Protein backbone atom coordinates (compact mmCIF):
# COMPACT_ATOMS: atom_id res chain seq x y z
CA UNK A 1 -16.77 6.74 35.50
CA UNK A 2 -14.80 5.32 32.60
CA UNK A 3 -16.76 7.43 30.13
CA UNK A 4 -16.18 10.59 32.17
CA UNK A 5 -12.44 9.95 32.18
CA UNK A 6 -12.38 9.62 28.41
CA UNK A 7 -14.44 12.76 27.89
CA UNK A 8 -12.03 14.65 30.13
CA UNK A 9 -9.06 13.39 28.15
CA UNK A 10 -10.63 14.68 24.94
CA UNK A 11 -10.98 18.14 26.46
CA UNK A 12 -7.19 18.24 26.61
CA UNK A 13 -7.08 18.00 22.83
CA UNK A 14 -9.08 21.20 22.53
CA UNK A 15 -7.13 23.11 25.19
CA UNK A 16 -3.95 23.09 23.14
CA UNK A 17 -5.54 23.87 19.77
CA UNK A 18 -5.82 27.58 18.91
CA UNK A 19 -9.36 28.87 18.50
CA UNK A 20 -10.41 29.88 14.99
CA UNK A 21 -13.47 31.81 16.11
CA UNK A 22 -15.68 29.32 14.27
CA UNK A 23 -18.60 27.48 15.82
CA UNK A 24 -19.00 23.71 15.85
CA UNK A 25 -17.78 20.76 17.85
CA UNK A 26 -14.87 19.80 15.60
CA UNK A 27 -14.04 23.06 13.85
CA UNK A 28 -10.95 23.68 15.96
CA UNK A 29 -9.95 20.04 16.15
CA UNK A 30 -10.17 19.67 12.39
CA UNK A 31 -8.37 22.88 11.54
CA UNK A 32 -6.31 22.05 8.50
CA UNK A 33 -2.59 21.71 9.23
CA UNK A 34 -0.31 24.25 7.53
CA UNK A 35 0.80 23.11 4.08
CA UNK A 36 4.23 21.59 3.89
CA UNK A 37 6.51 22.25 0.98
CA UNK A 38 7.45 19.13 -0.91
CA UNK A 39 11.00 18.84 -2.12
CA UNK A 40 11.57 17.00 -5.35
CA UNK A 41 14.06 14.13 -5.05
CA UNK A 42 17.43 14.51 -6.75
CA UNK A 43 17.36 13.65 -10.44
CA UNK A 44 19.54 10.58 -9.94
CA UNK A 45 16.96 9.06 -7.56
CA UNK A 46 14.15 9.14 -10.12
CA UNK A 47 13.59 6.03 -12.14
CA UNK A 48 11.26 5.37 -15.10
CA UNK A 49 11.00 1.71 -14.09
CA UNK A 50 8.82 2.22 -11.01
CA UNK A 51 5.75 0.04 -10.50
CA UNK A 52 2.26 1.52 -10.14
CA UNK A 53 2.39 1.31 -6.34
CA UNK A 54 5.79 2.97 -6.28
CA UNK A 55 4.54 5.77 -8.52
CA UNK A 56 1.87 6.61 -5.90
CA UNK A 57 3.36 5.68 -2.51
CA UNK A 58 1.10 7.91 -0.39
CA UNK A 59 -1.81 5.46 -0.37
CA UNK A 60 0.37 2.50 0.59
CA UNK A 61 2.23 4.45 3.26
CA UNK A 62 -1.05 5.81 4.65
CA UNK A 63 -2.49 2.34 4.96
CA UNK A 64 0.65 1.15 6.68
CA UNK A 65 0.51 3.96 9.21
CA UNK A 66 -3.19 3.67 9.96
CA UNK A 67 -3.86 -0.05 9.71
CA UNK A 68 -0.43 -1.68 9.70
CA UNK A 69 -1.07 -3.24 6.29
CA UNK A 70 2.25 -3.98 4.66
CA UNK A 71 2.94 -3.19 1.02
CA UNK A 72 3.78 -6.81 0.27
CA UNK A 73 0.37 -7.90 1.51
CA UNK A 74 -1.39 -5.22 -0.53
CA UNK A 75 0.45 -6.43 -3.62
CA UNK A 76 -0.93 -9.91 -2.91
CA UNK A 77 -4.44 -8.44 -2.76
CA UNK A 78 -3.95 -6.88 -6.16
CA UNK A 79 -2.76 -10.20 -7.57
CA UNK A 80 -5.88 -11.92 -6.33
CA UNK A 81 -4.28 -13.71 -3.40
CA UNK A 82 -4.70 -13.24 0.32
CA UNK A 83 -7.74 -15.20 1.45
CA UNK A 84 -7.18 -18.73 2.71
CA UNK A 85 -9.54 -21.62 3.31
CA UNK A 86 -13.28 -21.28 2.63
CA UNK A 87 -15.30 -18.08 2.56
CA UNK A 88 -18.37 -19.82 3.92
CA UNK A 89 -18.26 -20.32 6.77
CA UNK A 90 -15.59 -17.69 7.07
CA UNK A 91 -13.13 -17.49 9.94
CA UNK A 92 -11.99 -14.29 11.60
CA UNK A 93 -8.60 -14.36 9.89
CA UNK A 94 -10.24 -14.60 6.47
CA UNK A 95 -12.72 -11.86 7.39
CA UNK A 96 -9.86 -9.54 8.34
CA UNK A 97 -8.03 -10.26 5.10
CA UNK A 98 -11.12 -9.41 3.05
CA UNK A 99 -11.55 -6.23 5.10
CA UNK A 100 -7.98 -5.16 4.40
CA UNK A 101 -8.54 -5.55 0.67
CA UNK A 102 -11.68 -3.40 0.88
CA UNK A 103 -9.75 -0.87 2.98
CA UNK A 104 -7.33 -0.39 0.09
CA UNK A 105 -10.28 0.50 -2.13
CA UNK A 106 -11.75 2.90 0.41
CA UNK A 107 -8.50 4.84 0.68
CA UNK A 108 -8.15 4.88 -3.10
CA UNK A 109 -11.67 6.12 -3.82
CA UNK A 110 -11.93 8.74 -1.08
CA UNK A 111 -8.69 10.68 -1.24
CA UNK A 112 -6.60 8.65 1.18
CA UNK A 113 -6.15 9.43 4.85
CA UNK A 114 -6.86 12.89 6.24
CA UNK A 115 -3.31 13.87 7.25
CA UNK A 116 -3.37 14.48 10.99
CA UNK A 117 -2.40 11.80 13.48
CA UNK A 118 -3.90 13.66 16.47
CA UNK A 119 -7.31 13.52 14.86
CA UNK A 120 -6.85 9.88 13.94
CA UNK A 121 -5.96 9.04 17.55
CA UNK A 122 -9.06 10.89 18.70
CA UNK A 123 -11.35 8.95 16.33
CA UNK A 124 -9.76 5.69 17.44
CA UNK A 125 -10.21 6.60 21.11
CA UNK A 126 -13.95 7.12 20.69
CA UNK A 127 -14.42 4.26 18.25
CA UNK A 128 -12.54 1.66 20.25
CA UNK A 129 -14.36 2.68 23.41
CA UNK A 130 -17.67 1.97 21.71
CA UNK A 131 -16.33 -1.26 20.17
CA UNK A 132 -15.26 -2.46 23.61
CA UNK A 133 -18.93 -2.58 24.56
CA UNK A 134 -20.05 -4.25 21.34
CA UNK A 135 -20.87 -7.91 20.75
CA UNK A 136 -17.34 -8.55 19.40
CA UNK A 137 -15.09 -6.65 21.81
CA UNK A 138 -11.98 -8.75 21.16
CA UNK A 139 -11.75 -7.88 17.46
CA UNK A 140 -8.92 -5.48 16.62
CA UNK A 141 -10.79 -2.44 15.31
CA UNK A 142 -9.17 0.29 13.24
CA UNK A 143 -10.69 3.70 12.55
CA UNK A 144 -9.49 6.17 9.91
CA UNK A 145 -10.52 9.58 8.56
CA UNK A 146 -10.94 9.77 4.79
CA UNK A 147 -9.89 12.97 3.05
CA UNK A 148 -13.25 13.56 1.37
CA UNK A 149 -15.73 16.45 1.79
CA UNK A 150 -18.65 14.05 1.28
CA UNK A 151 -20.64 13.08 4.36
CA UNK A 152 -20.22 9.34 4.72
CA UNK A 153 -18.93 6.49 6.86
CA UNK A 154 -18.15 2.88 5.96
CA UNK A 155 -17.40 -0.41 7.65
CA UNK A 156 -15.35 -3.13 5.98
CA UNK A 157 -15.27 -6.68 7.34
CA UNK A 158 -12.80 -7.41 10.10
CA UNK A 159 -13.14 -4.09 11.94
CA UNK A 160 -11.89 -1.53 9.37
CA UNK A 161 -14.03 1.57 9.78
CA UNK A 162 -13.86 4.89 7.94
CA UNK A 163 -15.43 8.29 8.45
CA UNK A 164 -15.01 11.22 6.07
CA UNK A 165 -13.75 14.59 7.17
CA UNK A 166 -16.90 16.03 5.54
CA UNK A 167 -19.07 14.14 8.02
CA UNK A 168 -16.86 15.03 10.98
CA UNK A 169 -17.26 18.72 10.31
CA UNK A 170 -21.03 18.47 10.74
CA UNK A 171 -20.93 16.90 14.23
CA UNK A 172 -21.92 18.94 17.26
CA UNK A 173 -20.68 16.72 20.08
CA UNK A 174 -18.89 13.50 20.92
CA UNK A 175 -22.13 11.56 21.44
CA UNK A 176 -22.95 12.14 17.77
CA UNK A 177 -19.52 10.84 16.77
CA UNK A 178 -19.93 7.82 19.03
CA UNK A 179 -23.36 7.12 17.53
CA UNK A 180 -22.06 7.24 13.96
CA UNK A 181 -19.07 5.01 14.73
CA UNK A 182 -21.23 2.62 16.76
CA UNK A 183 -23.51 2.19 13.74
CA UNK A 184 -20.48 1.13 11.69
CA UNK A 185 -19.21 -1.15 14.45
CA UNK A 186 -22.61 -2.87 14.38
CA UNK A 187 -22.17 -3.62 10.68
CA UNK A 188 -18.93 -5.41 11.58
CA UNK A 189 -20.23 -7.29 14.63
CA UNK A 190 -23.22 -8.62 12.68
CA UNK A 191 -21.12 -9.36 9.56
CA UNK A 192 -23.60 -7.55 7.33
CA UNK A 193 -21.24 -7.30 4.38
CA UNK A 194 -20.26 -10.96 4.53
CA UNK A 195 -23.90 -12.04 4.71
CA UNK A 196 -24.63 -9.97 1.62
CA UNK A 197 -21.73 -11.46 -0.33
CA UNK A 198 -22.63 -15.01 0.69
CA UNK A 199 -26.00 -14.55 -0.99
CA UNK A 200 -24.47 -12.89 -4.06
CA UNK A 201 -24.41 -14.27 -7.57
CA UNK A 202 -20.61 -14.59 -7.61
CA UNK A 203 -20.38 -17.01 -4.72
CA UNK A 204 -23.64 -18.67 -5.68
CA UNK A 205 -21.83 -20.22 -8.63
CA UNK A 206 -18.70 -21.20 -6.68
CA UNK A 207 -18.62 -24.46 -4.75
CA UNK A 208 -15.71 -23.36 -2.56
CA UNK A 209 -13.59 -20.26 -2.17
CA UNK A 210 -10.13 -21.54 -1.31
CA UNK A 211 -6.57 -20.44 -1.85
CA UNK A 212 -6.11 -23.36 -4.22
CA UNK A 213 -9.12 -22.26 -6.27
CA UNK A 214 -7.83 -18.70 -6.41
CA UNK A 215 -4.45 -19.81 -7.67
CA UNK A 216 -6.20 -21.57 -10.52
CA UNK A 217 -8.46 -18.58 -11.10
CA UNK A 218 -7.03 -15.40 -9.52
CA UNK A 219 -9.92 -13.35 -10.92
CA UNK A 220 -12.19 -15.03 -8.37
CA UNK A 221 -10.80 -13.07 -5.44
CA UNK A 222 -10.76 -9.86 -7.45
CA UNK A 223 -14.41 -10.35 -8.45
CA UNK A 224 -15.48 -10.85 -4.85
CA UNK A 225 -13.66 -7.69 -3.74
CA UNK A 226 -15.21 -5.80 -6.65
CA UNK A 227 -18.66 -6.96 -5.56
CA UNK A 228 -17.99 -5.97 -1.94
CA UNK A 229 -16.85 -2.48 -2.89
CA UNK A 230 -19.80 -2.08 -5.25
CA UNK A 231 -22.18 -2.89 -2.41
CA UNK A 232 -20.33 -0.72 0.10
CA UNK A 233 -19.81 2.37 -2.04
CA UNK A 234 -22.63 2.26 -4.61
CA UNK A 235 -25.51 -0.14 -4.01
CA UNK A 236 -25.67 -0.13 -0.24
CA UNK A 237 -26.69 -2.89 2.13
CA UNK A 238 -30.25 -4.12 2.60
CA UNK A 239 -32.45 -1.63 4.45
CA UNK A 240 -33.03 -4.19 7.19
CA UNK A 241 -29.30 -4.33 7.88
CA UNK A 242 -29.09 -0.55 8.11
CA UNK A 243 -31.96 -0.45 10.58
CA UNK A 244 -30.32 -3.24 12.59
CA UNK A 245 -27.07 -1.25 12.67
CA UNK A 246 -29.01 1.76 13.98
CA UNK A 247 -30.59 -0.34 16.74
CA UNK A 248 -27.36 -2.00 17.82
CA UNK A 249 -25.29 1.17 17.37
CA UNK A 250 -27.56 3.04 19.77
CA UNK A 251 -27.18 0.18 22.25
CA UNK A 252 -23.37 0.09 21.94
CA UNK A 253 -23.09 3.85 22.50
CA UNK A 254 -25.39 3.56 25.51
CA UNK A 255 -23.38 0.68 26.98
CA UNK A 256 -20.24 2.80 26.62
CA UNK A 257 -21.86 5.57 28.64
CA UNK A 258 -22.83 7.98 25.86
CA UNK A 259 -26.27 9.45 25.47
CA UNK A 260 -27.90 7.16 22.87
CA UNK A 261 -29.53 10.13 21.17
CA UNK A 262 -26.25 10.98 19.44
CA UNK A 263 -26.90 9.09 16.19
CA UNK A 264 -30.41 10.51 15.98
CA UNK A 265 -29.09 14.06 16.39
CA UNK A 266 -26.57 13.58 13.58
CA UNK A 267 -29.30 12.20 11.32
CA UNK A 268 -31.30 15.37 11.98
CA UNK A 269 -28.37 17.38 10.62
CA UNK A 270 -28.09 15.04 7.64
CA UNK A 271 -31.79 15.41 6.92
CA UNK A 272 -31.50 19.20 6.82
CA UNK A 273 -28.66 18.85 4.29
CA UNK A 274 -30.68 16.57 2.02
CA UNK A 275 -31.11 18.27 -1.33
CA UNK A 276 -28.35 20.75 -0.54
CA UNK A 277 -25.35 18.43 -0.42
CA UNK A 278 -24.21 15.40 -2.38
CA UNK A 279 -23.64 12.21 -0.43
CA UNK A 280 -23.94 8.54 -1.24
CA UNK A 281 -25.61 8.13 2.16
CA UNK A 282 -28.90 9.23 0.59
CA UNK A 283 -28.79 6.47 -2.03
CA UNK A 284 -27.19 3.67 0.00
CA UNK A 285 -29.27 4.04 3.18
CA UNK A 286 -32.99 4.05 4.01
CA UNK A 287 -34.92 7.32 4.22
CA UNK A 288 -33.29 9.57 6.80
CA UNK A 289 -36.70 10.63 8.09
CA UNK A 290 -37.72 7.00 8.58
CA UNK A 291 -34.48 6.22 10.40
CA UNK A 292 -35.07 9.16 12.75
CA UNK A 293 -38.64 8.13 13.54
CA UNK A 294 -37.52 4.55 14.16
CA UNK A 295 -34.79 5.71 16.54
CA UNK A 296 -37.25 8.01 18.34
CA UNK A 297 -39.40 4.98 19.10
CA UNK A 298 -36.38 3.03 20.32
CA UNK A 299 -35.22 5.82 22.63
CA UNK A 300 -38.45 5.57 24.57
CA UNK A 301 -37.22 2.22 25.91
CA UNK A 302 -34.24 3.92 27.60
CA UNK A 303 -35.49 5.23 30.94
CA UNK A 304 -32.20 6.10 32.68
CA UNK A 305 -30.72 8.73 30.35
CA UNK A 306 -30.44 11.47 32.95
CA UNK A 307 -26.84 12.59 33.26
CA UNK A 308 -25.47 10.61 30.30
CA UNK A 309 -22.95 12.86 28.53
CA UNK A 310 -22.99 14.41 25.09
CA UNK A 311 -19.43 15.78 25.63
CA UNK A 312 -19.93 19.04 23.83
C-alpha cells in the first residue's frame, strides 16, 4: 500500500507538466527549464580580491542547497581537514565527512547540480523510499542529479548518491529508477568504497589516520580523497562489489514494493547503447551482458512478482 501511495503521488508531478509530444518515462519531467537571463552585478560590487570559491559560487551554493554542506566546511575539506579520529575502524560521522568531500568532487567533475528542484525532490522521494528498506535505514541519504549527458550514477560514503541527467533520460519507468538508485544505496550500506580504501596503498603505509596526524601532514587527507575519487570516477570498484550491489539493490527495490526487474531492464538499455555512447560505466563496471545474465538468474528466486508495479 505504501508503494502505491508513492506511485500515485508521482503521477501528480506529470499532470502539471506540459506534454512535449516526446516518448519516454522522464521526457516531460526532465524538460529543460526556460533559460533565465543573468544580470551582471554593479561595477562597485566586483572585487579582484575574491578567493577561488568566491569566483565560482554556483558549486558551493548547489552543494548547500542539495546536501546542506556549508561553505566553511568545504573550505576545511580543501585544506585537508575534516575527518576526526581513526579511519579504521571508521565511525558513521567520519564516513559522512569523507562522503561530503567526495561529493564536492562529484559536483565539480560533472557539471554541478541539474537546476530543477522538482526533479531533485522526485529523485529523493524514490531514493529515500528504497533506502528505508535497506540494511542501513537510519542513515541520512541525499540524492542529487548531476548536469552531465553521460550515463552514470555514483555513491559516495555516508549516503551521498548521484545520478546524471543523461542516465535519467534513458529510463522507461520508476522501477528502473528505483533499481539504479538501490544499486547505489547498496554500495553505501556495504561500505564498498571504504573497504577499497582500507586496502589501498595510501593507508597501508599509515599507522593511524587522525586529526592530529592530518594537522602535521595535511596532504594525507587530500591524498585519501584523491584516491577515493580516482576509484569512483576512473578505476571503478572490484567486480565482486558491483555484483553484490546488483544483488542487494534488487532486494532493496523488491522490499520497497517495486518490481525487482527494474535494474535489469535499465541494463538492457545500457547494453544497446554500448559502442554508440560514451560512459565510464563501461570501464568501471563488469560486463553489462554478464550483469544481466546474473540478475536473470537471481530473479528466478522471486516467486511473488505478480502485481508489483513498474510505475510507467
